[in-house]
Protein backbone atom coordinates (compact mmCIF):
# COMPACT_ATOMS: atom_id res chain seq x y z
CA UNK A 1 -54.57 29.25 67.76
CA UNK A 2 -51.41 27.46 66.63
CA UNK A 3 -48.09 28.73 65.33
CA UNK A 4 -45.58 27.14 62.99
CA UNK A 5 -42.03 28.06 64.05
CA UNK A 6 -38.73 27.92 62.18
CA UNK A 7 -35.40 28.60 63.87
CA UNK A 8 -32.42 29.13 61.55
CA UNK A 9 -28.67 29.29 62.03
CA UNK A 10 -25.71 30.21 59.85
CA UNK A 11 -22.05 29.22 59.95
CA UNK A 12 -21.17 32.31 57.90
CA UNK A 13 -22.51 35.33 59.76
CA UNK A 14 -22.47 38.19 59.13
CA UNK A 15 -21.69 37.45 55.46
CA UNK A 16 -24.81 35.42 54.79
CA UNK A 17 -27.31 37.78 56.40
CA UNK A 18 -27.73 40.41 53.63
CA UNK A 19 -28.54 37.83 50.93
CA UNK A 20 -30.78 35.84 53.24
CA UNK A 21 -32.78 38.89 54.30
CA UNK A 22 -33.27 40.04 50.72
CA UNK A 23 -34.33 36.57 49.57
CA UNK A 24 -36.76 36.13 52.46
CA UNK A 25 -38.52 39.47 52.07
CA UNK A 26 -38.41 39.71 48.26
CA UNK A 27 -39.27 36.10 47.47
CA UNK A 28 -40.16 33.74 50.27
CA UNK A 29 -42.43 35.91 52.42
CA UNK A 30 -44.30 37.06 49.31
CA UNK A 31 -44.79 33.49 48.12
CA UNK A 32 -46.01 32.36 51.54
CA UNK A 33 -48.52 35.21 51.58
CA UNK A 34 -49.66 34.42 48.04
CA UNK A 35 -50.27 30.81 49.01
CA UNK A 36 -51.67 31.12 52.52
CA UNK A 37 -52.57 34.73 53.37
CA UNK A 38 -56.34 34.07 53.73
CA UNK A 39 -55.57 31.57 56.49
CA UNK A 40 -52.65 33.29 58.23
CA UNK A 41 -53.37 35.32 61.37
CA UNK A 42 -49.80 36.51 62.00
CA UNK A 43 -46.48 36.18 60.17
CA UNK A 44 -43.47 37.66 61.98
CA UNK A 45 -39.70 37.37 62.20
CA UNK A 46 -37.19 37.87 65.00
CA UNK A 47 -33.49 38.52 64.56
CA UNK A 48 -31.66 36.79 67.44
CA UNK A 49 -29.91 39.11 69.86
CA UNK A 50 -26.13 39.22 70.30
CA UNK A 51 -25.14 36.89 73.12
CA UNK A 52 -22.46 36.55 75.78
CA UNK A 53 -19.91 33.74 75.24
CA UNK A 54 -21.48 31.46 77.85
CA UNK A 55 -24.70 31.25 75.83
CA UNK A 56 -22.96 29.62 72.88
CA UNK A 57 -22.77 26.30 74.77
CA UNK A 58 -26.55 25.84 74.67
CA UNK A 59 -27.18 24.91 71.05
CA UNK A 60 -27.17 28.54 69.97
CA UNK A 61 -29.01 29.51 66.76
CA UNK A 62 -27.99 32.90 65.41
CA UNK A 63 -29.87 33.91 62.24
CA UNK A 64 -33.68 33.97 62.35
CA UNK A 65 -36.82 32.85 64.15
CA UNK A 66 -39.96 32.87 62.00
CA UNK A 67 -43.49 32.39 63.37
CA UNK A 68 -46.53 31.80 61.17
CA UNK A 69 -49.75 31.82 63.19
CA UNK A 70 -53.04 30.14 62.20
CA UNK A 71 -56.38 30.38 63.97
CA UNK A 72 -56.93 26.62 64.03
CA UNK A 73 -55.84 23.33 62.50
CA UNK A 74 -58.29 23.73 59.60
CA UNK A 75 -56.67 27.03 58.61
CA UNK A 76 -53.24 25.43 58.87
CA UNK A 77 -54.28 22.93 56.21
CA UNK A 78 -56.26 25.51 54.23
CA UNK A 79 -53.58 26.75 51.86
CA UNK A 80 -53.06 25.02 48.51
CA UNK A 81 -49.81 25.84 46.77
CA UNK A 82 -50.04 26.65 43.06
CA UNK A 83 -46.26 26.86 42.61
CA UNK A 84 -42.93 25.85 44.09
CA UNK A 85 -41.11 28.20 46.43
CA UNK A 86 -38.10 30.11 45.08
CA UNK A 87 -34.98 28.89 46.84
CA UNK A 88 -32.51 31.02 44.88
CA UNK A 89 -32.43 34.79 44.43
CA UNK A 90 -30.77 36.30 41.36
CA UNK A 91 -27.76 37.47 43.38
CA UNK A 92 -27.08 34.04 44.95
CA UNK A 93 -24.39 31.69 43.69
CA UNK A 94 -26.32 28.62 44.83
CA UNK A 95 -29.90 27.90 45.88
CA UNK A 96 -30.70 27.49 49.58
CA UNK A 97 -30.56 23.80 50.46
CA UNK A 98 -31.75 23.57 54.04
CA UNK A 99 -31.02 19.86 54.49
CA UNK A 100 -27.34 20.42 53.65
CA UNK A 101 -26.74 23.17 56.21
CA UNK A 102 -24.04 22.42 58.79
CA UNK A 103 -26.62 23.42 61.41
CA UNK A 104 -30.07 22.32 60.17
CA UNK A 105 -33.18 24.40 60.59
CA UNK A 106 -35.41 23.50 63.52
CA UNK A 107 -39.17 23.64 63.21
CA UNK A 108 -42.34 22.56 64.94
CA UNK A 109 -45.95 23.68 65.43
CA UNK A 110 -47.29 24.49 68.89
CA UNK A 111 -50.56 25.78 70.37
CA UNK A 112 -51.01 29.39 71.45
CA UNK A 113 -51.18 30.09 74.34
CA UNK A 114 -48.76 27.50 75.70
CA UNK A 115 -50.33 24.63 77.66
CA UNK A 116 -47.84 24.78 80.52
CA UNK A 117 -47.44 28.17 82.20
CA UNK A 118 -45.04 27.77 85.11
CA UNK A 119 -44.39 31.44 85.88
CA UNK A 120 -46.28 34.45 84.49
CA UNK A 121 -47.87 37.69 85.61
CA UNK A 122 -45.32 38.38 88.34
CA UNK A 123 -44.24 41.72 86.89
CA UNK A 124 -45.68 44.38 84.61
CA UNK A 125 -43.89 45.64 81.51
CA UNK A 126 -43.03 48.82 83.42
CA UNK A 127 -41.17 46.90 86.12
CA UNK A 128 -38.89 44.58 84.17
CA UNK A 129 -37.18 44.32 80.81
CA UNK A 130 -37.63 41.03 78.98
CA UNK A 131 -34.91 38.79 77.51
CA UNK A 132 -36.50 35.66 76.05
CA UNK A 133 -34.49 32.42 76.06
CA UNK A 134 -36.33 30.66 73.25
CA UNK A 135 -35.66 26.91 73.26
CA UNK A 136 -36.57 23.73 71.40
CA UNK A 137 -36.23 20.29 72.98
CA UNK A 138 -36.68 16.65 72.13
CA UNK A 139 -35.77 13.55 74.07
CA UNK A 140 -32.84 11.24 73.27
CA UNK A 141 -33.40 8.25 71.03
CA UNK A 142 -35.08 5.46 72.96
CA UNK A 143 -36.83 7.81 75.44
CA UNK A 144 -40.59 8.05 74.93
CA UNK A 145 -42.33 11.41 74.95
CA UNK A 146 -44.39 10.25 77.93
CA UNK A 147 -41.28 9.40 79.95
CA UNK A 148 -39.48 12.57 78.94
CA UNK A 149 -42.46 14.78 79.71
CA UNK A 150 -42.96 13.12 83.09
CA UNK A 151 -39.48 14.28 84.09
CA UNK A 152 -39.84 17.70 82.43
CA UNK A 153 -43.25 18.58 83.92
CA UNK A 154 -43.10 16.92 87.31
CA UNK A 155 -39.43 17.33 88.22
CA UNK A 156 -37.39 19.64 86.01
CA UNK A 157 -39.78 22.57 85.57
CA UNK A 158 -40.26 22.82 89.34
CA UNK A 159 -36.51 23.00 89.88
CA UNK A 160 -36.07 25.59 87.10
CA UNK A 161 -38.45 27.87 89.01
CA UNK A 162 -35.74 28.20 91.66
CA UNK A 163 -33.44 30.07 89.26
CA UNK A 164 -32.68 33.40 90.99
CA UNK A 165 -33.10 35.63 87.92
CA UNK A 166 -36.08 33.94 86.27
CA UNK A 167 -39.10 36.21 85.74
CA UNK A 168 -41.19 34.14 83.29
CA UNK A 169 -41.40 30.50 82.19
CA UNK A 170 -43.78 28.58 79.94
CA UNK A 171 -43.72 25.65 77.53
CA UNK A 172 -45.81 24.30 74.66
CA UNK A 173 -45.99 20.70 73.48
CA UNK A 174 -45.90 20.20 69.72
CA UNK A 175 -49.15 19.64 67.84
CA UNK A 176 -49.64 16.11 66.54
CA UNK A 177 -51.48 16.40 63.23
CA UNK A 178 -53.83 13.53 62.30
CA UNK A 179 -52.36 11.23 59.69
CA UNK A 180 -48.88 12.76 59.92
CA UNK A 181 -45.69 11.46 61.45
CA UNK A 182 -44.79 12.52 64.97
CA UNK A 183 -42.98 15.86 65.36
CA UNK A 184 -39.20 15.75 65.60
CA UNK A 185 -39.06 18.53 68.19
CA UNK A 186 -41.62 18.00 70.94
CA UNK A 187 -41.39 21.15 73.03
CA UNK A 188 -40.85 24.86 72.55
CA UNK A 189 -40.22 26.68 75.80
CA UNK A 190 -39.40 30.21 76.88
CA UNK A 191 -37.49 31.23 79.97
CA UNK A 192 -37.56 34.98 80.56
CA UNK A 193 -34.90 37.09 82.30
CA UNK A 194 -34.42 40.83 82.60
CA UNK A 195 -31.05 40.76 80.84
CA UNK A 196 -27.99 38.55 80.30
CA UNK A 197 -26.84 39.26 83.84
CA UNK A 198 -30.02 37.60 85.07
CA UNK A 199 -29.58 34.69 82.65
CA UNK A 200 -25.94 34.13 83.63
CA UNK A 201 -26.77 34.33 87.34
CA UNK A 202 -29.55 31.77 86.89
CA UNK A 203 -27.92 29.34 84.47
CA UNK A 204 -24.16 29.63 84.97
CA UNK A 205 -23.21 31.27 88.27
CA UNK A 206 -25.87 30.25 90.80
CA UNK A 207 -28.10 27.55 89.33
CA UNK A 208 -30.44 25.52 91.53
CA UNK A 209 -29.74 21.86 92.17
CA UNK A 210 -31.22 19.81 89.33
CA UNK A 211 -32.32 16.21 89.20
CA UNK A 212 -30.73 14.49 86.22
CA UNK A 213 -33.11 12.05 84.52
CA UNK A 214 -32.02 8.42 84.57
CA UNK A 215 -32.01 8.36 80.75
CA UNK A 216 -29.76 11.42 80.32
CA UNK A 217 -26.83 10.97 77.94
CA UNK A 218 -25.62 14.53 78.55
CA UNK A 219 -24.44 15.32 82.08
CA UNK A 220 -24.89 19.09 82.16
CA UNK A 221 -28.06 21.19 82.48
CA UNK A 222 -30.43 20.95 80.65
CA UNK A 223 -29.39 17.25 80.29
CA UNK A 224 -30.12 17.33 76.56
CA UNK A 225 -27.25 17.48 74.08
CA UNK A 226 -26.82 20.87 72.36
CA UNK A 227 -27.72 20.90 68.66
CA UNK A 228 -28.93 17.31 68.97
CA UNK A 229 -31.77 17.40 71.51
CA UNK A 230 -31.63 21.05 72.64
CA UNK A 231 -31.39 24.26 70.62
CA UNK A 232 -31.88 27.83 71.73
CA UNK A 233 -31.62 31.49 70.88
CA UNK A 234 -32.32 34.81 72.58
CA UNK A 235 -35.04 37.19 71.41
CA UNK A 236 -36.37 40.63 72.26
CA UNK A 237 -39.95 40.91 73.43
CA UNK A 238 -41.29 42.15 70.08
CA UNK A 239 -40.71 40.84 66.54
CA UNK A 240 -38.47 42.96 64.36
CA UNK A 241 -40.30 42.18 61.08
CA UNK A 242 -44.02 41.87 60.34
CA UNK A 243 -44.15 40.13 56.97
CA UNK A 244 -47.88 40.71 56.53
CA UNK A 245 -47.12 44.43 56.45
CA UNK A 246 -43.73 44.41 54.72
CA UNK A 247 -44.18 41.49 52.34
CA UNK A 248 -46.47 41.76 49.33
CA UNK A 249 -48.45 38.87 47.94
CA UNK A 250 -48.74 38.59 44.17
CA UNK A 251 -51.41 36.85 42.05
């Protein structure tokens, strides 16, 4: 199983949200389903949670996380579009132009389940709440994926496990599709806490001692520059929208 993920941000919340939500459910989700529904296993959306001020320093994305799941790589390539997507609803002044956003969308495709499970199964759903710190990372220009992953897997992830409020931690490396260029964002990771008190205790107030990689251009944890090499948002444990149920494909 693989999932295609989009993480979106807005510089004009809450003003932009009503038009975006109407466009996505009335137009975009329906067009995606019309094109690819036979191959899609799951199509869901999360609205990022409100955050405490300290979280804004970590490349915070505030508008939407979309996940489109496929059973395998063949299904991912199975859809054949018969039309262009609609990037402007009738109520919009201008069409959506993703490449011109002040904060660009972030996307990648990763396997499900994640390849690297560092911490899982410690608690049941009855014992702990779940605040998901949903992150995307890539390595600075000039740093190979092999070198970056060597630090991430063999050094950094082991130190992250010492965070006092961490209750779950896993990471997925982006899928490299044959014949396509390398992904821009190489990892999608989740760090799970019970609430923002647990996150703040772990990340801000009482963090473990970290080993900064020799290639780091950013001195603070996570040693990747916000909005450049590191982006993140905070999600609840369940999606808020199931587009396969709420969207409607058309012929």
